[in-house]
Amino acid sequence: MADKGILRLRLLRDDPIAPSADADPSPTMFGLQDNKEAIHPGVQREDGTFAFDFDLRVAPAVDEAKPPVFTGPFAFGTPQDRFVYLSWQRTQLPGYVNRVKARLADIDWDMVHAAQESGGRLEADMSGRKAGGGKIPVVWTLVDIAEPEEDAEE
């Protein structure tokens, strides 16, 4: 049985080039950034899109009228305004060429429950997003829903 405190997520991006590569052509590592500044590479799909699968913990709620609070090694921001980063970290100098924020505030309790109960994953396509974007809404879609097991005949 799946841990009801865990939410499975995926970010997609169609281009591994930093949005501001023209202004800063530094060599980079592209991937999902954790809160220790490590970059986790994605998996390139047959269509060329990069997929970044990760999990976050959802804090138990006393009142589901309030938004979910996400925690874990990929969660950034305040509890009320969490996000995750796709980052282009410089390899030869400190810092980042750029980072794109995927808002978690657009995930509500209905989406959390639907993903957890179905065994699915919430996915957001971050293709074409510019640097930052912490206030730009993100469309999360439920994908990878587990097929229900057929009841064995008695």
C-alpha atoms as a PDB file:
ATOM      1  CA  MET A   1       0.000   0.000   0.000  1.00  0.00           C
ATOM      2  CA  ALA A   2       1.296   3.477  -0.945  1.00  0.00           C
ATOM      3  CA  ASP A   3       2.331   5.944   1.731  1.00  0.00           C
ATOM      4  CA  LYS A   4      -0.519   8.486   1.898  1.00  0.00           C
ATOM      5  CA  GLY A   5       1.953  11.163   2.966  1.00  0.00           C
ATOM      6  CA  ILE A   6       3.851  10.955  -0.332  1.00  0.00           C
ATOM      7  CA  LEU A   7       2.904  12.713  -3.560  1.00  0.00           C
ATOM      8  CA  ARG A   8       4.516  11.578  -6.803  1.00  0.00           C
ATOM      9  CA  LEU A   9       5.306  14.358  -9.290  1.00  0.00           C
ATOM     10  CA  ARG A  10       6.974  14.901 -12.659  1.00  0.00           C
ATOM     11  CA  LEU A  11       8.255  17.979 -14.453  1.00  0.00           C
ATOM     12  CA  LEU A  12       8.782  18.027 -18.215  1.00  0.00           C
ATOM     13  CA  ARG A  13      10.988  20.326 -20.275  1.00  0.00           C
ATOM     14  CA  ASP A  14      11.554  20.123 -24.024  1.00  0.00           C
ATOM     15  CA  ASP A  15      14.870  21.977 -24.170  1.00  0.00           C
ATOM     16  CA  PRO A  16      17.956  21.493 -21.965  1.00  0.00           C
ATOM     17  CA  ILE A  17      19.343  24.931 -22.953  1.00  0.00           C
ATOM     18  CA  ALA A  18      19.055  27.632 -20.277  1.00  0.00           C
ATOM     19  CA  PRO A  19      16.474  30.347 -21.093  1.00  0.00           C
ATOM     20  CA  SER A  20      19.238  33.009 -20.931  1.00  0.00           C
ATOM     21  CA  ALA A  21      22.044  31.037 -22.583  1.00  0.00           C
ATOM     22  CA  ASP A  22      22.582  33.930 -25.030  1.00  0.00           C
ATOM     23  CA  ALA A  23      23.463  36.263 -22.145  1.00  0.00           C
ATOM     24  CA  ASP A  24      25.499  33.691 -20.188  1.00  0.00           C
ATOM     25  CA  PRO A  25      26.936  30.848 -22.293  1.00  0.00           C
ATOM     26  CA  SER A  26      28.630  29.180 -19.286  1.00  0.00           C
ATOM     27  CA  PRO A  27      28.712  25.374 -19.358  1.00  0.00           C
ATOM     28  CA  THR A  28      25.930  24.004 -17.164  1.00  0.00           C
ATOM     29  CA  MET A  29      24.366  20.933 -15.625  1.00  0.00           C
ATOM     30  CA  PHE A  30      20.597  20.883 -16.256  1.00  0.00           C
ATOM     31  CA  GLY A  31      18.162  19.182 -13.919  1.00  0.00           C
ATOM     32  CA  LEU A  32      15.915  19.191 -10.892  1.00  0.00           C
ATOM     33  CA  GLN A  33      17.579  21.036  -8.021  1.00  0.00           C
ATOM     34  CA  ASP A  34      17.428  19.766  -4.456  1.00  0.00           C
ATOM     35  CA  ASN A  35      17.799  21.965  -1.373  1.00  0.00           C
ATOM     36  CA  LYS A  36      21.465  20.978  -1.018  1.00  0.00           C
ATOM     37  CA  GLU A  37      22.104  22.447  -4.487  1.00  0.00           C
ATOM     38  CA  ALA A  38      22.621  19.065  -6.135  1.00  0.00           C
ATOM     39  CA  ILE A  39      21.279  18.749  -9.673  1.00  0.00           C
ATOM     40  CA  HIS A  40      19.351  15.579 -10.556  1.00  0.00           C
ATOM     41  CA  PRO A  41      19.342  14.893 -14.302  1.00  0.00           C
ATOM     42  CA  GLY A  42      16.145  13.932 -16.034  1.00  0.00           C
ATOM     43  CA  VAL A  43      15.460  11.100 -18.407  1.00  0.00           C
ATOM     44  CA  GLN A  44      15.264  12.026 -22.061  1.00  0.00           C
ATOM     45  CA  ARG A  45      12.202  10.472 -23.696  1.00  0.00           C
ATOM     46  CA  GLU A  46      11.930   9.282 -27.277  1.00  0.00           C
ATOM     47  CA  ASP A  47      10.290  12.590 -28.267  1.00  0.00           C
ATOM     48  CA  GLY A  48      13.296  14.520 -26.885  1.00  0.00           C
ATOM     49  CA  THR A  49      11.465  15.826 -23.811  1.00  0.00           C
ATOM     50  CA  PHE A  50      13.257  15.557 -20.473  1.00  0.00           C
ATOM     51  CA  ALA A  51      11.257  14.060 -17.579  1.00  0.00           C
ATOM     52  CA  PHE A  52      12.097  14.626 -13.923  1.00  0.00           C
ATOM     53  CA  ASP A  53      10.297  12.266 -11.526  1.00  0.00           C
ATOM     54  CA  PHE A  54      10.380  13.065  -7.814  1.00  0.00           C
ATOM     55  CA  ASP A  55       8.380  12.724  -4.613  1.00  0.00           C
ATOM     56  CA  LEU A  56       7.358  15.241  -1.999  1.00  0.00           C
ATOM     57  CA  ARG A  57       5.816  14.653   1.394  1.00  0.00           C
ATOM     58  CA  VAL A  58       2.426  16.231   2.059  1.00  0.00           C
ATOM     59  CA  ALA A  59       2.038  17.444   5.626  1.00  0.00           C
ATOM     60  CA  PRO A  60      -1.112  16.087   7.320  1.00  0.00           C
ATOM     61  CA  ALA A  61      -3.885  18.673   7.362  1.00  0.00           C
ATOM     62  CA  VAL A  62      -6.110  19.578  10.256  1.00  0.00           C
ATOM     63  CA  ASP A  63      -8.190  21.708   7.871  1.00  0.00           C
ATOM     64  CA  GLU A  64      -8.247  20.875   4.153  1.00  0.00           C
ATOM     65  CA  ALA A  65      -9.769  24.285   3.449  1.00  0.00           C
ATOM     66  CA  LYS A  66      -6.149  25.432   3.720  1.00  0.00           C
ATOM     67  CA  PRO A  67      -3.733  24.504   0.897  1.00  0.00           C
ATOM     68  CA  PRO A  68      -1.467  21.480   1.183  1.00  0.00           C
ATOM     69  CA  VAL A  69       2.030  22.010   2.582  1.00  0.00           C
ATOM     70  CA  PHE A  70       4.770  20.123   0.734  1.00  0.00           C
ATOM     71  CA  THR A  71       8.104  19.144   2.228  1.00  0.00           C
ATOM     72  CA  GLY A  72      11.130  17.216   1.103  1.00  0.00           C
ATOM     73  CA  PRO A  73      14.491  17.680  -0.527  1.00  0.00           C
ATOM     74  CA  PHE A  74      13.062  19.374  -3.646  1.00  0.00           C
ATOM     75  CA  ALA A  75      10.683  21.837  -1.922  1.00  0.00           C
ATOM     76  CA  PHE A  76      11.711  25.498  -1.759  1.00  0.00           C
ATOM     77  CA  GLY A  77       9.985  28.615  -0.449  1.00  0.00           C
ATOM     78  CA  THR A  78       7.714  29.265   2.495  1.00  0.00           C
ATOM     79  CA  PRO A  79       5.144  26.648   3.570  1.00  0.00           C
ATOM     80  CA  GLN A  80       2.395  28.781   1.979  1.00  0.00           C
ATOM     81  CA  ASP A  81       4.296  29.371  -1.271  1.00  0.00           C
ATOM     82  CA  ARG A  82       6.291  26.247  -2.161  1.00  0.00           C
ATOM     83  CA  PHE A  83       7.900  25.577  -5.511  1.00  0.00           C
ATOM     84  CA  VAL A  84      10.479  23.313  -7.139  1.00  0.00           C
ATOM     85  CA  TYR A  85      13.322  24.352  -9.435  1.00  0.00           C
ATOM     86  CA  LEU A  86      14.531  23.199 -12.801  1.00  0.00           C
ATOM     87  CA  SER A  87      18.053  24.621 -12.788  1.00  0.00           C
ATOM     88  CA  TRP A  88      21.000  25.251 -15.046  1.00  0.00           C
ATOM     89  CA  GLN A  89      23.905  25.168 -12.586  1.00  0.00           C
ATOM     90  CA  ARG A  90      27.285  26.406 -13.809  1.00  0.00           C
ATOM     91  CA  THR A  91      29.953  23.717 -13.915  1.00  0.00           C
ATOM     92  CA  GLN A  92      33.052  25.937 -13.966  1.00  0.00           C
ATOM     93  CA  LEU A  93      31.896  28.905 -11.867  1.00  0.00           C
ATOM     94  CA  PRO A  94      29.641  29.087  -8.801  1.00  0.00           C
ATOM     95  CA  GLY A  95      25.940  29.757  -9.169  1.00  0.00           C
ATOM     96  CA  TYR A  96      23.315  29.293 -11.809  1.00  0.00           C
ATOM     97  CA  VAL A  97      22.831  30.514 -15.345  1.00  0.00           C
ATOM     98  CA  ASN A  98      19.120  30.275 -14.693  1.00  0.00           C
ATOM     99  CA  ARG A  99      16.340  28.551 -12.774  1.00  0.00           C
ATOM    100  CA  VAL A 100      12.667  28.029 -13.590  1.00  0.00           C
ATOM    101  CA  LYS A 101      10.149  27.755 -10.748  1.00  0.00           C
ATOM    102  CA  ALA A 102       7.290  25.282 -10.835  1.00  0.00           C
ATOM    103  CA  ARG A 103       4.663  26.513  -8.375  1.00  0.00           C
ATOM    104  CA  LEU A 104       3.176  23.941  -6.046  1.00  0.00           C
ATOM    105  CA  ALA A 105       0.443  26.369  -4.919  1.00  0.00           C
ATOM    106  CA  ASP A 106      -1.585  25.241  -7.939  1.00  0.00           C
ATOM    107  CA  ILE A 107      -1.943  21.739  -6.435  1.00  0.00           C
ATOM    108  CA  ASP A 108      -5.037  21.457  -4.246  1.00  0.00           C
ATOM    109  CA  TRP A 109      -6.219  18.715  -1.896  1.00  0.00           C
ATOM    110  CA  ASP A 110      -8.486  17.139  -4.546  1.00  0.00           C
ATOM    111  CA  MET A 111      -5.466  16.703  -6.815  1.00  0.00           C
ATOM    112  CA  VAL A 112      -3.357  15.292  -3.961  1.00  0.00           C
ATOM    113  CA  HIS A 113      -6.042  12.741  -3.061  1.00  0.00           C
ATOM    114  CA  ALA A 114      -6.692  11.806  -6.708  1.00  0.00           C
ATOM    115  CA  ALA A 115      -2.989  11.130  -7.310  1.00  0.00           C
ATOM    116  CA  GLN A 116      -2.541   9.161  -4.096  1.00  0.00           C
ATOM    117  CA  GLU A 117      -5.704   7.078  -4.486  1.00  0.00           C
ATOM    118  CA  SER A 118      -5.077   6.272  -8.160  1.00  0.00           C
ATOM    119  CA  GLY A 119      -1.377   5.516  -7.743  1.00  0.00           C
ATOM    120  CA  GLY A 120      -0.791   8.248 -10.323  1.00  0.00           C
ATOM    121  CA  ARG A 121       1.573  11.151 -10.595  1.00  0.00           C
ATOM    122  CA  LEU A 122       0.968  14.885 -11.048  1.00  0.00           C
ATOM    123  CA  GLU A 123       2.811  16.191 -14.094  1.00  0.00           C
ATOM    124  CA  ALA A 124       3.554  19.726 -15.308  1.00  0.00           C
ATOM    125  CA  ASP A 125       5.121  20.733 -18.614  1.00  0.00           C
ATOM    126  CA  MET A 126       7.618  23.539 -18.031  1.00  0.00           C
ATOM    127  CA  SER A 127       8.648  23.793 -21.702  1.00  0.00           C
ATOM    128  CA  GLY A 128       9.116  27.337 -22.889  1.00  0.00           C
ATOM    129  CA  ARG A 129       9.070  28.838 -19.386  1.00  0.00           C
ATOM    130  CA  LYS A 130      11.370  31.769 -18.803  1.00  0.00           C
ATOM    131  CA  ALA A 131      13.579  32.271 -15.737  1.00  0.00           C
ATOM    132  CA  GLY A 132      11.795  32.680 -12.437  1.00  0.00           C
ATOM    133  CA  GLY A 133       8.078  32.394 -12.939  1.00  0.00           C
ATOM    134  CA  GLY A 134       7.210  31.840  -9.296  1.00  0.00           C
ATOM    135  CA  LYS A 135       3.841  33.555  -9.639  1.00  0.00           C
ATOM    136  CA  ILE A 136       2.917  32.179 -13.062  1.00  0.00           C
ATOM    137  CA  PRO A 137       0.312  29.396 -12.655  1.00  0.00           C
ATOM    138  CA  VAL A 138       1.367  25.860 -13.470  1.00  0.00           C
ATOM    139  CA  VAL A 139      -1.047  23.314 -14.932  1.00  0.00           C
ATOM    140  CA  TRP A 140      -0.697  19.993 -13.111  1.00  0.00           C
ATOM    141  CA  THR A 141      -2.259  16.932 -14.757  1.00  0.00           C
ATOM    142  CA  LEU A 142      -2.833  13.484 -13.295  1.00  0.00           C
ATOM    143  CA  VAL A 143      -0.910  10.842 -15.284  1.00  0.00           C
ATOM    144  CA  ASP A 144       0.379   7.282 -14.868  1.00  0.00           C
ATOM    145  CA  ILE A 145      -2.800   6.104 -13.183  1.00  0.00           C
ATOM    146  CA  ALA A 146      -2.450   2.508 -12.052  1.00  0.00           C
ATOM    147  CA  GLU A 147      -4.770   0.028 -13.729  1.00  0.00           C
ATOM    148  CA  PRO A 148      -7.250  -1.443 -11.259  1.00  0.00           C
ATOM    149  CA  GLU A 149      -6.650  -5.073 -10.489  1.00  0.00           C
ATOM    150  CA  GLU A 150      -9.441  -7.367 -11.568  1.00  0.00           C
ATOM    151  CA  ASP A 151     -11.097  -9.284  -8.782  1.00  0.00           C
ATOM    152  CA  ALA A 152     -10.298 -12.951  -8.900  1.00  0.00           C
ATOM    153  CA  GLU A 153     -13.318 -15.147  -9.498  1.00  0.00           C
ATOM    154  CA  GLU A 154     -14.240 -17.357  -6.607  1.00  0.00           C
END
